[in-house]
Amino acid sequence: MALTGVEVPLSTLSNIQPNTILAVITDAQGTLQVVQIDCASIAEDQAFLRVTTHADGQQPGGCWVMVHGVPTWKDPCPY
């Protein structure tokens, strides 16, 4: 899956609007970049982010699924 988005100012993190998906990325020098993901680039009714309940990644958790254009938490993850 390929997501598309646009770079936004770091200050965006202090006032996140509802149903917004942001990716925070650091480069090799540790420079922060914030990207607002275009929700239309996410496939409908498919998990686009799975989350484990433990740092070792062994315990399954939930996932984020795009439902009618809205990011929706599902736990347990149905997919």
C-alpha atoms as a PDB file:
ATOM      1  CA  MET A   1       0.000   0.000   0.000  1.00  0.00           C
ATOM      2  CA  ALA A   2       1.244   3.468  -0.834  1.00  0.00           C
ATOM      3  CA  LEU A   3      -0.085   6.448   1.070  1.00  0.00           C
ATOM      4  CA  THR A   4       0.044  10.002  -0.197  1.00  0.00           C
ATOM      5  CA  GLY A   5       0.210  13.162   1.821  1.00  0.00           C
ATOM      6  CA  VAL A   6       1.527  16.667   2.153  1.00  0.00           C
ATOM      7  CA  GLU A   7       4.185  18.039   4.497  1.00  0.00           C
ATOM      8  CA  VAL A   8       2.746  20.285   7.209  1.00  0.00           C
ATOM      9  CA  PRO A   9       4.426  22.436   9.864  1.00  0.00           C
ATOM     10  CA  LEU A  10       5.557  20.778  13.092  1.00  0.00           C
ATOM     11  CA  SER A  11       3.154  23.108  14.920  1.00  0.00           C
ATOM     12  CA  THR A  12       0.301  21.044  13.426  1.00  0.00           C
ATOM     13  CA  LEU A  13       0.925  18.534  16.231  1.00  0.00           C
ATOM     14  CA  SER A  14      -0.359  21.036  18.799  1.00  0.00           C
ATOM     15  CA  ASN A  15      -3.790  21.391  17.161  1.00  0.00           C
ATOM     16  CA  ILE A  16      -4.817  18.194  15.380  1.00  0.00           C
ATOM     17  CA  GLN A  17      -8.237  18.283  13.779  1.00  0.00           C
ATOM     18  CA  PRO A  18     -10.667  15.315  14.007  1.00  0.00           C
ATOM     19  CA  ASN A  19     -10.149  12.421  11.559  1.00  0.00           C
ATOM     20  CA  THR A  20      -6.634  13.580  10.693  1.00  0.00           C
ATOM     21  CA  ILE A  21      -3.836  11.091  10.117  1.00  0.00           C
ATOM     22  CA  LEU A  22      -0.319  12.394  10.607  1.00  0.00           C
ATOM     23  CA  ALA A  23       3.010  10.642  10.130  1.00  0.00           C
ATOM     24  CA  VAL A  24       6.022  11.917  12.062  1.00  0.00           C
ATOM     25  CA  ILE A  25       9.277  10.995  10.339  1.00  0.00           C
ATOM     26  CA  THR A  26      12.905  11.667  11.215  1.00  0.00           C
ATOM     27  CA  ASP A  27      15.732  11.539   8.721  1.00  0.00           C
ATOM     28  CA  ALA A  28      19.300  10.315   9.345  1.00  0.00           C
ATOM     29  CA  GLN A  29      20.174  13.631  11.027  1.00  0.00           C
ATOM     30  CA  GLY A  30      17.131  13.485  13.313  1.00  0.00           C
ATOM     31  CA  THR A  31      15.263  16.281  11.528  1.00  0.00           C
ATOM     32  CA  LEU A  32      11.512  15.976  12.139  1.00  0.00           C
ATOM     33  CA  GLN A  33       9.002  16.141   9.324  1.00  0.00           C
ATOM     34  CA  VAL A  34       5.242  15.891   9.711  1.00  0.00           C
ATOM     35  CA  VAL A  35       3.112  14.606   6.853  1.00  0.00           C
ATOM     36  CA  GLN A  36      -0.666  14.802   6.753  1.00  0.00           C
ATOM     37  CA  ILE A  37      -1.910  11.646   5.050  1.00  0.00           C
ATOM     38  CA  ASP A  38      -4.584  12.026   2.383  1.00  0.00           C
ATOM     39  CA  CYS A  39      -7.392   9.792   3.684  1.00  0.00           C
ATOM     40  CA  ALA A  40      -8.559   9.202   0.101  1.00  0.00           C
ATOM     41  CA  SER A  41      -5.283   7.340  -0.530  1.00  0.00           C
ATOM     42  CA  ILE A  42      -6.228   4.675   2.043  1.00  0.00           C
ATOM     43  CA  ALA A  43      -8.174   1.638   0.859  1.00  0.00           C
ATOM     44  CA  GLU A  44     -11.665   1.392   2.307  1.00  0.00           C
ATOM     45  CA  ASP A  45     -12.474  -1.378   4.828  1.00  0.00           C
ATOM     46  CA  GLN A  46      -8.873  -2.612   5.074  1.00  0.00           C
ATOM     47  CA  ALA A  47      -6.496  -2.310   7.987  1.00  0.00           C
ATOM     48  CA  PHE A  48      -3.952   0.396   7.203  1.00  0.00           C
ATOM     49  CA  LEU A  49      -2.200   0.364  10.596  1.00  0.00           C
ATOM     50  CA  ARG A  50      -1.935  -2.622  12.934  1.00  0.00           C
ATOM     51  CA  VAL A  51      -0.990  -2.082  16.561  1.00  0.00           C
ATOM     52  CA  THR A  52       0.428  -4.695  18.932  1.00  0.00           C
ATOM     53  CA  THR A  53      -0.301  -4.497  22.636  1.00  0.00           C
ATOM     54  CA  HIS A  54       3.294  -5.129  23.662  1.00  0.00           C
ATOM     55  CA  ALA A  55       6.646  -3.784  22.481  1.00  0.00           C
ATOM     56  CA  ASP A  56       7.851  -7.269  21.520  1.00  0.00           C
ATOM     57  CA  GLY A  57       5.129  -7.393  18.853  1.00  0.00           C
ATOM     58  CA  GLN A  58       3.943 -10.814  20.001  1.00  0.00           C
ATOM     59  CA  GLN A  59       0.565  -9.860  21.428  1.00  0.00           C
ATOM     60  CA  PRO A  60      -2.023  -8.890  18.815  1.00  0.00           C
ATOM     61  CA  GLY A  61      -3.891  -5.666  19.309  1.00  0.00           C
ATOM     62  CA  GLY A  62      -6.233  -3.644  17.216  1.00  0.00           C
ATOM     63  CA  CYS A  63      -5.949  -1.788  13.956  1.00  0.00           C
ATOM     64  CA  TRP A  64      -7.088   1.328  12.168  1.00  0.00           C
ATOM     65  CA  VAL A  65      -9.505   0.755   9.285  1.00  0.00           C
ATOM     66  CA  MET A  66     -10.945   3.371   6.926  1.00  0.00           C
ATOM     67  CA  VAL A  67     -14.758   3.104   7.184  1.00  0.00           C
ATOM     68  CA  HIS A  68     -16.786   5.444   4.962  1.00  0.00           C
ATOM     69  CA  GLY A  69     -13.781   7.768   4.721  1.00  0.00           C
ATOM     70  CA  VAL A  70     -13.262   7.929   8.495  1.00  0.00           C
ATOM     71  CA  PRO A  71     -10.345   6.292  10.327  1.00  0.00           C
ATOM     72  CA  THR A  72     -11.923   3.819  12.768  1.00  0.00           C
ATOM     73  CA  TRP A  73     -10.287   1.802  15.565  1.00  0.00           C
ATOM     74  CA  LYS A  74     -11.119  -1.933  15.584  1.00  0.00           C
ATOM     75  CA  ASP A  75     -10.086  -4.157  18.509  1.00  0.00           C
ATOM     76  CA  PRO A  76      -9.623  -6.929  17.866  1.00  0.00           C
ATOM     77  CA  CYS A  77      -8.495  -6.290  14.335  1.00  0.00           C
ATOM     78  CA  PRO A  78     -10.905  -8.122  12.019  1.00  0.00           C
ATOM     79  CA  TYR A  79      -8.320  -8.617   9.262  1.00  0.00           C
END
